[in-house]
Amino acid sequence: MQKLVVMYPPQPDMDAFKAYYVGTHIPLARKIPGLQALRYSFEVETLAGDARYACIFEAEFEDGAALGKGMGSPEGQAVAADVPNFAKNPPSLIHYRVDK
């Protein structure tokens, strides 16, 4: 499995961010070809109780090729192009293979 993680820092207007993210961005993300699962949370903390990020998104694909194909698709490109519409502070992205 290949996992994509998007980490959003706090935004100037978190209420507007959340509303757009849930109402517009997540429905776009659900259309990415090859996406096996997604999840997100606005309840982000460290074990010490603080947080550097305000929202975490996780997406799962069969493998790296499926991730690349999905994100390179028109649907994946639409998701990437949508980020500046709601994230004034840009996110950090990582992806990795999950070993079992």
C-alpha atoms as a PDB file:
ATOM      1  CA  MET A   1       0.000   0.000   0.000  1.00  0.00           C
ATOM      2  CA  GLN A   2       1.124   3.580  -0.678  1.00  0.00           C
ATOM      3  CA  LYS A   3      -0.067   6.304   1.649  1.00  0.00           C
ATOM      4  CA  LEU A   4      -0.297  10.023   0.911  1.00  0.00           C
ATOM      5  CA  VAL A   5      -0.408  12.358   3.919  1.00  0.00           C
ATOM      6  CA  VAL A   6      -1.232  16.060   3.636  1.00  0.00           C
ATOM      7  CA  MET A   7      -0.545  18.206   6.710  1.00  0.00           C
ATOM      8  CA  TYR A   8      -2.246  21.606   6.799  1.00  0.00           C
ATOM      9  CA  PRO A   9      -0.919  24.290   9.163  1.00  0.00           C
ATOM     10  CA  PRO A  10      -3.362  26.559  10.977  1.00  0.00           C
ATOM     11  CA  GLN A  11      -5.242  28.871   8.620  1.00  0.00           C
ATOM     12  CA  PRO A  12      -6.303  32.509   9.113  1.00  0.00           C
ATOM     13  CA  ASP A  13     -10.005  31.530   9.149  1.00  0.00           C
ATOM     14  CA  MET A  14     -10.310  27.945  10.368  1.00  0.00           C
ATOM     15  CA  ASP A  15     -14.123  27.958  10.183  1.00  0.00           C
ATOM     16  CA  ALA A  16     -14.042  28.884   6.481  1.00  0.00           C
ATOM     17  CA  PHE A  17     -11.236  26.377   5.908  1.00  0.00           C
ATOM     18  CA  LYS A  18     -13.214  23.534   7.500  1.00  0.00           C
ATOM     19  CA  ALA A  19     -16.436  24.369   5.667  1.00  0.00           C
ATOM     20  CA  TYR A  20     -14.746  24.462   2.252  1.00  0.00           C
ATOM     21  CA  TYR A  21     -12.573  21.432   2.991  1.00  0.00           C
ATOM     22  CA  VAL A  22     -15.490  19.211   4.013  1.00  0.00           C
ATOM     23  CA  GLY A  23     -18.050  20.597   1.563  1.00  0.00           C
ATOM     24  CA  THR A  24     -15.917  20.987  -1.576  1.00  0.00           C
ATOM     25  CA  HIS A  25     -12.401  19.580  -1.333  1.00  0.00           C
ATOM     26  CA  ILE A  26     -13.118  16.155   0.172  1.00  0.00           C
ATOM     27  CA  PRO A  27     -15.850  15.399  -2.411  1.00  0.00           C
ATOM     28  CA  LEU A  28     -13.282  16.218  -5.137  1.00  0.00           C
ATOM     29  CA  ALA A  29     -10.687  13.959  -3.506  1.00  0.00           C
ATOM     30  CA  ARG A  30     -13.136  11.043  -3.364  1.00  0.00           C
ATOM     31  CA  LYS A  31     -13.167  11.076  -7.208  1.00  0.00           C
ATOM     32  CA  ILE A  32      -9.422  10.364  -7.595  1.00  0.00           C
ATOM     33  CA  PRO A  33      -9.019   7.124  -9.583  1.00  0.00           C
ATOM     34  CA  GLY A  34      -7.385   4.307  -7.646  1.00  0.00           C
ATOM     35  CA  LEU A  35      -8.135   5.822  -4.245  1.00  0.00           C
ATOM     36  CA  GLN A  36      -8.825   2.945  -1.856  1.00  0.00           C
ATOM     37  CA  ALA A  37      -9.491   4.903   1.332  1.00  0.00           C
ATOM     38  CA  LEU A  38      -9.281   8.400   2.748  1.00  0.00           C
ATOM     39  CA  ARG A  39      -9.589   9.938   6.160  1.00  0.00           C
ATOM     40  CA  TYR A  40      -8.958  13.323   7.718  1.00  0.00           C
ATOM     41  CA  SER A  41      -9.022  15.004  11.093  1.00  0.00           C
ATOM     42  CA  PHE A  42      -9.107  18.488  12.554  1.00  0.00           C
ATOM     43  CA  GLU A  43      -8.245  17.050  15.998  1.00  0.00           C
ATOM     44  CA  VAL A  44      -4.461  17.103  15.627  1.00  0.00           C
ATOM     45  CA  GLU A  45      -2.195  17.169  18.676  1.00  0.00           C
ATOM     46  CA  THR A  46       1.190  15.938  19.777  1.00  0.00           C
ATOM     47  CA  LEU A  47       1.588  13.790  22.870  1.00  0.00           C
ATOM     48  CA  ALA A  48       2.556  17.009  24.671  1.00  0.00           C
ATOM     49  CA  GLY A  49      -0.843  18.500  23.762  1.00  0.00           C
ATOM     50  CA  ASP A  50       0.236  21.068  21.186  1.00  0.00           C
ATOM     51  CA  ALA A  51       0.056  20.920  17.408  1.00  0.00           C
ATOM     52  CA  ARG A  52       1.907  22.243  14.404  1.00  0.00           C
ATOM     53  CA  TYR A  53      -0.905  21.254  12.067  1.00  0.00           C
ATOM     54  CA  ALA A  54      -4.619  22.034  12.069  1.00  0.00           C
ATOM     55  CA  CYS A  55      -5.715  19.267   9.693  1.00  0.00           C
ATOM     56  CA  ILE A  56      -4.267  15.947   8.549  1.00  0.00           C
ATOM     57  CA  PHE A  57      -5.445  14.074   5.450  1.00  0.00           C
ATOM     58  CA  GLU A  58      -4.546  10.463   4.609  1.00  0.00           C
ATOM     59  CA  ALA A  59      -5.181   8.692   1.307  1.00  0.00           C
ATOM     60  CA  GLU A  60      -4.391   5.078   0.492  1.00  0.00           C
ATOM     61  CA  PHE A  61      -3.549   3.598  -2.911  1.00  0.00           C
ATOM     62  CA  GLU A  62      -2.558   0.085  -3.955  1.00  0.00           C
ATOM     63  CA  ASP A  63       1.034   1.137  -4.682  1.00  0.00           C
ATOM     64  CA  GLY A  64       3.200   4.036  -5.813  1.00  0.00           C
ATOM     65  CA  ALA A  65       2.173   3.595  -9.435  1.00  0.00           C
ATOM     66  CA  ALA A  66      -1.511   3.866  -8.500  1.00  0.00           C
ATOM     67  CA  LEU A  67      -0.787   7.005  -6.455  1.00  0.00           C
ATOM     68  CA  GLY A  68       1.078   8.568  -9.376  1.00  0.00           C
ATOM     69  CA  LYS A  69      -1.634   7.637 -11.845  1.00  0.00           C
ATOM     70  CA  GLY A  70      -4.401   8.919  -9.558  1.00  0.00           C
ATOM     71  CA  MET A  71      -2.727  12.221  -8.781  1.00  0.00           C
ATOM     72  CA  GLY A  72      -1.779  12.684 -12.438  1.00  0.00           C
ATOM     73  CA  SER A  73      -5.348  12.138 -13.587  1.00  0.00           C
ATOM     74  CA  PRO A  74      -7.669  15.060 -14.344  1.00  0.00           C
ATOM     75  CA  GLU A  75      -9.418  14.390 -11.011  1.00  0.00           C
ATOM     76  CA  GLY A  76      -6.119  14.370  -9.106  1.00  0.00           C
ATOM     77  CA  GLN A  77      -5.007  17.546 -10.833  1.00  0.00           C
ATOM     78  CA  ALA A  78      -8.337  19.192  -9.934  1.00  0.00           C
ATOM     79  CA  VAL A  79      -7.757  18.319  -6.263  1.00  0.00           C
ATOM     80  CA  ALA A  80      -4.241  19.787  -6.331  1.00  0.00           C
ATOM     81  CA  ALA A  81      -5.451  22.928  -8.124  1.00  0.00           C
ATOM     82  CA  ASP A  82      -8.208  23.391  -5.529  1.00  0.00           C
ATOM     83  CA  VAL A  83      -5.856  23.693  -2.527  1.00  0.00           C
ATOM     84  CA  PRO A  84      -5.131  27.443  -2.935  1.00  0.00           C
ATOM     85  CA  ASN A  85      -8.891  28.081  -2.887  1.00  0.00           C
ATOM     86  CA  PHE A  86      -9.075  27.283   0.836  1.00  0.00           C
ATOM     87  CA  ALA A  87      -5.530  26.890   2.231  1.00  0.00           C
ATOM     88  CA  LYS A  88      -3.946  30.326   2.532  1.00  0.00           C
ATOM     89  CA  ASN A  89      -1.001  28.685   4.327  1.00  0.00           C
ATOM     90  CA  PRO A  90       0.128  25.818   2.075  1.00  0.00           C
ATOM     91  CA  PRO A  91       0.265  22.232   3.333  1.00  0.00           C
ATOM     92  CA  SER A  92       3.172  19.809   3.501  1.00  0.00           C
ATOM     93  CA  LEU A  93       2.810  16.495   1.668  1.00  0.00           C
ATOM     94  CA  ILE A  94       4.558  13.185   2.175  1.00  0.00           C
ATOM     95  CA  HIS A  95       3.963   9.750   0.749  1.00  0.00           C
ATOM     96  CA  TYR A  96       5.399   6.379   1.621  1.00  0.00           C
ATOM     97  CA  ARG A  97       5.013   2.663   1.139  1.00  0.00           C
ATOM     98  CA  VAL A  98       3.439   0.916   4.088  1.00  0.00           C
ATOM     99  CA  ASP A  99       5.248  -2.271   5.062  1.00  0.00           C
ATOM    100  CA  LYS A 100       3.363  -4.936   6.942  1.00  0.00           C
END
